[in-house]
Amino acid sequence: MKKIALAAALSVAASTAFAGGMATPVMEETPVVAEVVQGSSSNGGLLIPLLLLLVLAAAASNA
């Protein structure tokens, strides 16, 4: 009789332990805010034309 009571207790404990099943974990993503850093526009637009003018002047002086 003790074995039947022990088996019944274990079956009840096992059924409640697996009642929910295995659920996939849900990971919440936090939004990523990207900050745009703008440089000064006065130097950015002048560097390439000045370098091009320097190369053209050097090529004209050698010719």
N, C-alpha and C. Protein backbone atom coordinates (compact mmCIF):
# COMPACT_ATOMS: atom_id res chain seq x y z
N MET A 1 0.81 -1.18 0.00
CA MET A 1 0.00 0.00 0.00
C MET A 1 0.87 1.27 0.00
N LYS A 2 2.02 1.19 0.69
CA LYS A 2 2.92 2.34 0.73
C LYS A 2 3.50 2.61 -0.66
N LYS A 3 3.74 1.54 -1.41
CA LYS A 3 4.30 1.72 -2.75
C LYS A 3 3.29 2.38 -3.68
N ILE A 4 2.02 2.05 -3.53
CA ILE A 4 0.99 2.66 -4.36
C ILE A 4 0.85 4.14 -4.02
N ALA A 5 0.90 4.47 -2.75
CA ALA A 5 0.80 5.87 -2.32
C ALA A 5 2.02 6.65 -2.80
N LEU A 6 3.20 6.04 -2.74
CA LEU A 6 4.42 6.70 -3.21
C LEU A 6 4.37 6.90 -4.72
N ALA A 7 3.90 5.91 -5.44
CA ALA A 7 3.79 6.03 -6.89
C ALA A 7 2.77 7.11 -7.27
N ALA A 8 1.68 7.19 -6.55
CA ALA A 8 0.67 8.22 -6.82
C ALA A 8 1.22 9.61 -6.53
N ALA A 9 1.97 9.74 -5.45
CA ALA A 9 2.55 11.04 -5.10
C ALA A 9 3.58 11.47 -6.14
N LEU A 10 4.39 10.53 -6.59
CA LEU A 10 5.41 10.85 -7.60
C LEU A 10 4.77 11.19 -8.95
N SER A 11 3.70 10.51 -9.31
CA SER A 11 3.05 10.80 -10.58
C SER A 11 2.38 12.17 -10.56
N VAL A 12 1.82 12.54 -9.41
CA VAL A 12 1.23 13.88 -9.29
C VAL A 12 2.30 14.95 -9.36
N ALA A 13 3.42 14.71 -8.69
CA ALA A 13 4.52 15.69 -8.70
C ALA A 13 5.13 15.80 -10.10
N ALA A 14 5.24 14.69 -10.80
CA ALA A 14 5.82 14.73 -12.14
C ALA A 14 4.89 15.39 -13.13
N SER A 15 3.59 15.18 -12.99
CA SER A 15 2.66 15.77 -13.95
C SER A 15 2.58 17.28 -13.78
N THR A 16 2.70 17.80 -12.55
CA THR A 16 2.67 19.25 -12.35
C THR A 16 3.99 19.89 -12.76
N ALA A 17 5.07 19.15 -12.69
CA ALA A 17 6.35 19.71 -13.07
C ALA A 17 6.44 19.92 -14.58
N PHE A 18 5.81 19.03 -15.35
CA PHE A 18 5.87 19.13 -16.80
C PHE A 18 4.58 19.67 -17.41
N ALA A 19 3.72 20.25 -16.61
CA ALA A 19 2.43 20.71 -17.11
C ALA A 19 2.59 21.87 -18.08
N GLY A 20 3.52 22.77 -17.80
CA GLY A 20 3.67 23.95 -18.66
C GLY A 20 4.42 23.67 -19.93
N GLY A 21 5.26 22.67 -19.92
CA GLY A 21 6.07 22.40 -21.10
C GLY A 21 7.22 23.38 -21.21
N MET A 22 8.00 23.20 -22.24
CA MET A 22 9.17 24.06 -22.46
C MET A 22 8.78 25.19 -23.40
N ALA A 23 8.82 26.38 -22.90
CA ALA A 23 8.48 27.54 -23.72
C ALA A 23 9.76 28.20 -24.20
N THR A 24 9.73 28.72 -25.42
CA THR A 24 10.90 29.42 -25.94
C THR A 24 11.00 30.78 -25.25
N PRO A 25 12.19 31.16 -24.83
CA PRO A 25 12.34 32.45 -24.15
C PRO A 25 12.16 33.61 -25.13
N VAL A 26 11.48 34.63 -24.70
CA VAL A 26 11.24 35.81 -25.52
C VAL A 26 12.19 36.90 -25.05
N MET A 27 13.06 37.33 -25.94
CA MET A 27 14.01 38.38 -25.59
C MET A 27 13.53 39.69 -26.20
N GLU A 28 13.34 40.67 -25.36
CA GLU A 28 12.90 41.96 -25.84
C GLU A 28 14.11 42.75 -26.33
N GLU A 29 13.96 43.31 -27.52
CA GLU A 29 15.05 44.10 -28.08
C GLU A 29 14.90 45.56 -27.67
N THR A 30 15.99 46.13 -27.21
CA THR A 30 15.95 47.54 -26.86
C THR A 30 16.27 48.35 -28.12
N PRO A 31 15.56 49.42 -28.38
CA PRO A 31 15.83 50.21 -29.58
C PRO A 31 17.19 50.90 -29.48
N VAL A 32 17.90 50.89 -30.57
CA VAL A 32 19.22 51.51 -30.63
C VAL A 32 19.07 52.85 -31.34
N VAL A 33 19.48 53.90 -30.68
CA VAL A 33 19.39 55.24 -31.26
C VAL A 33 20.79 55.64 -31.71
N ALA A 34 20.92 55.86 -33.00
CA ALA A 34 22.22 56.27 -33.55
C ALA A 34 22.26 57.78 -33.66
N GLU A 35 23.33 58.34 -33.14
CA GLU A 35 23.50 59.79 -33.21
C GLU A 35 24.40 60.12 -34.39
N VAL A 36 23.97 61.07 -35.19
CA VAL A 36 24.75 61.49 -36.35
C VAL A 36 25.58 62.70 -35.94
N VAL A 37 26.87 62.54 -36.08
CA VAL A 37 27.78 63.64 -35.73
C VAL A 37 28.19 64.32 -37.03
N GLN A 38 27.84 65.57 -37.14
CA GLN A 38 28.18 66.31 -38.34
C GLN A 38 29.42 67.14 -38.10
N GLY A 39 30.34 67.03 -39.03
CA GLY A 39 31.55 67.84 -38.94
C GLY A 39 31.28 69.22 -39.49
N SER A 40 32.26 70.06 -39.40
CA SER A 40 32.07 71.41 -39.94
C SER A 40 32.07 71.33 -41.46
N SER A 41 31.14 71.99 -42.08
CA SER A 41 30.99 71.92 -43.53
C SER A 41 31.96 72.83 -44.25
N SER A 42 32.63 73.71 -43.54
CA SER A 42 33.53 74.65 -44.21
C SER A 42 34.80 73.95 -44.70
N ASN A 43 35.33 72.99 -43.94
CA ASN A 43 36.56 72.32 -44.36
C ASN A 43 36.28 71.11 -45.25
N GLY A 44 35.14 70.46 -45.09
CA GLY A 44 34.85 69.24 -45.84
C GLY A 44 34.69 69.48 -47.32
N GLY A 45 34.10 70.57 -47.71
CA GLY A 45 33.86 70.85 -49.13
C GLY A 45 35.05 71.47 -49.83
N LEU A 46 36.03 71.95 -49.09
CA LEU A 46 37.16 72.64 -49.70
C LEU A 46 38.40 71.78 -49.87
N LEU A 47 38.49 70.70 -49.14
CA LEU A 47 39.71 69.91 -49.13
C LEU A 47 39.98 69.24 -50.49
N ILE A 48 39.00 68.61 -51.06
CA ILE A 48 39.21 67.88 -52.33
C ILE A 48 39.47 68.84 -53.49
N PRO A 49 38.70 69.93 -53.64
CA PRO A 49 39.04 70.86 -54.73
C PRO A 49 40.42 71.50 -54.58
N LEU A 50 40.83 71.79 -53.34
CA LEU A 50 42.17 72.36 -53.15
C LEU A 50 43.27 71.36 -53.51
N LEU A 51 43.07 70.10 -53.15
CA LEU A 51 44.05 69.08 -53.53
C LEU A 51 44.09 68.89 -55.05
N LEU A 52 42.94 68.94 -55.70
CA LEU A 52 42.88 68.82 -57.15
C LEU A 52 43.59 70.00 -57.81
N LEU A 53 43.37 71.18 -57.28
CA LEU A 53 44.04 72.37 -57.82
C LEU A 53 45.54 72.29 -57.61
N LEU A 54 45.98 71.77 -56.48
CA LEU A 54 47.41 71.61 -56.22
C LEU A 54 48.04 70.61 -57.19
N VAL A 55 47.35 69.51 -57.47
CA VAL A 55 47.88 68.50 -58.40
C VAL A 55 47.93 69.10 -59.82
N LEU A 56 46.91 69.83 -60.21
CA LEU A 56 46.93 70.44 -61.54
C LEU A 56 48.03 71.49 -61.67
N ALA A 57 48.28 72.26 -60.63
CA ALA A 57 49.34 73.25 -60.66
C ALA A 57 50.72 72.59 -60.74
N ALA A 58 50.88 71.48 -60.03
CA ALA A 58 52.15 70.75 -60.09
C ALA A 58 52.36 70.13 -61.47
N ALA A 59 51.30 69.62 -62.08
CA ALA A 59 51.41 69.02 -63.40
C ALA A 59 51.70 70.10 -64.45
N ALA A 60 51.13 71.29 -64.28
CA ALA A 60 51.36 72.38 -65.25
C ALA A 60 52.77 72.94 -65.14
N SER A 61 53.33 72.93 -63.95
CA SER A 61 54.68 73.47 -63.79
C SER A 61 55.73 72.50 -64.34
N ASN A 62 55.46 71.23 -64.39
CA ASN A 62 56.42 70.25 -64.93
C ASN A 62 56.32 70.13 -66.43
N ALA A 63 55.26 70.57 -67.03
CA ALA A 63 55.09 70.39 -68.47
C ALA A 63 55.76 71.45 -69.28
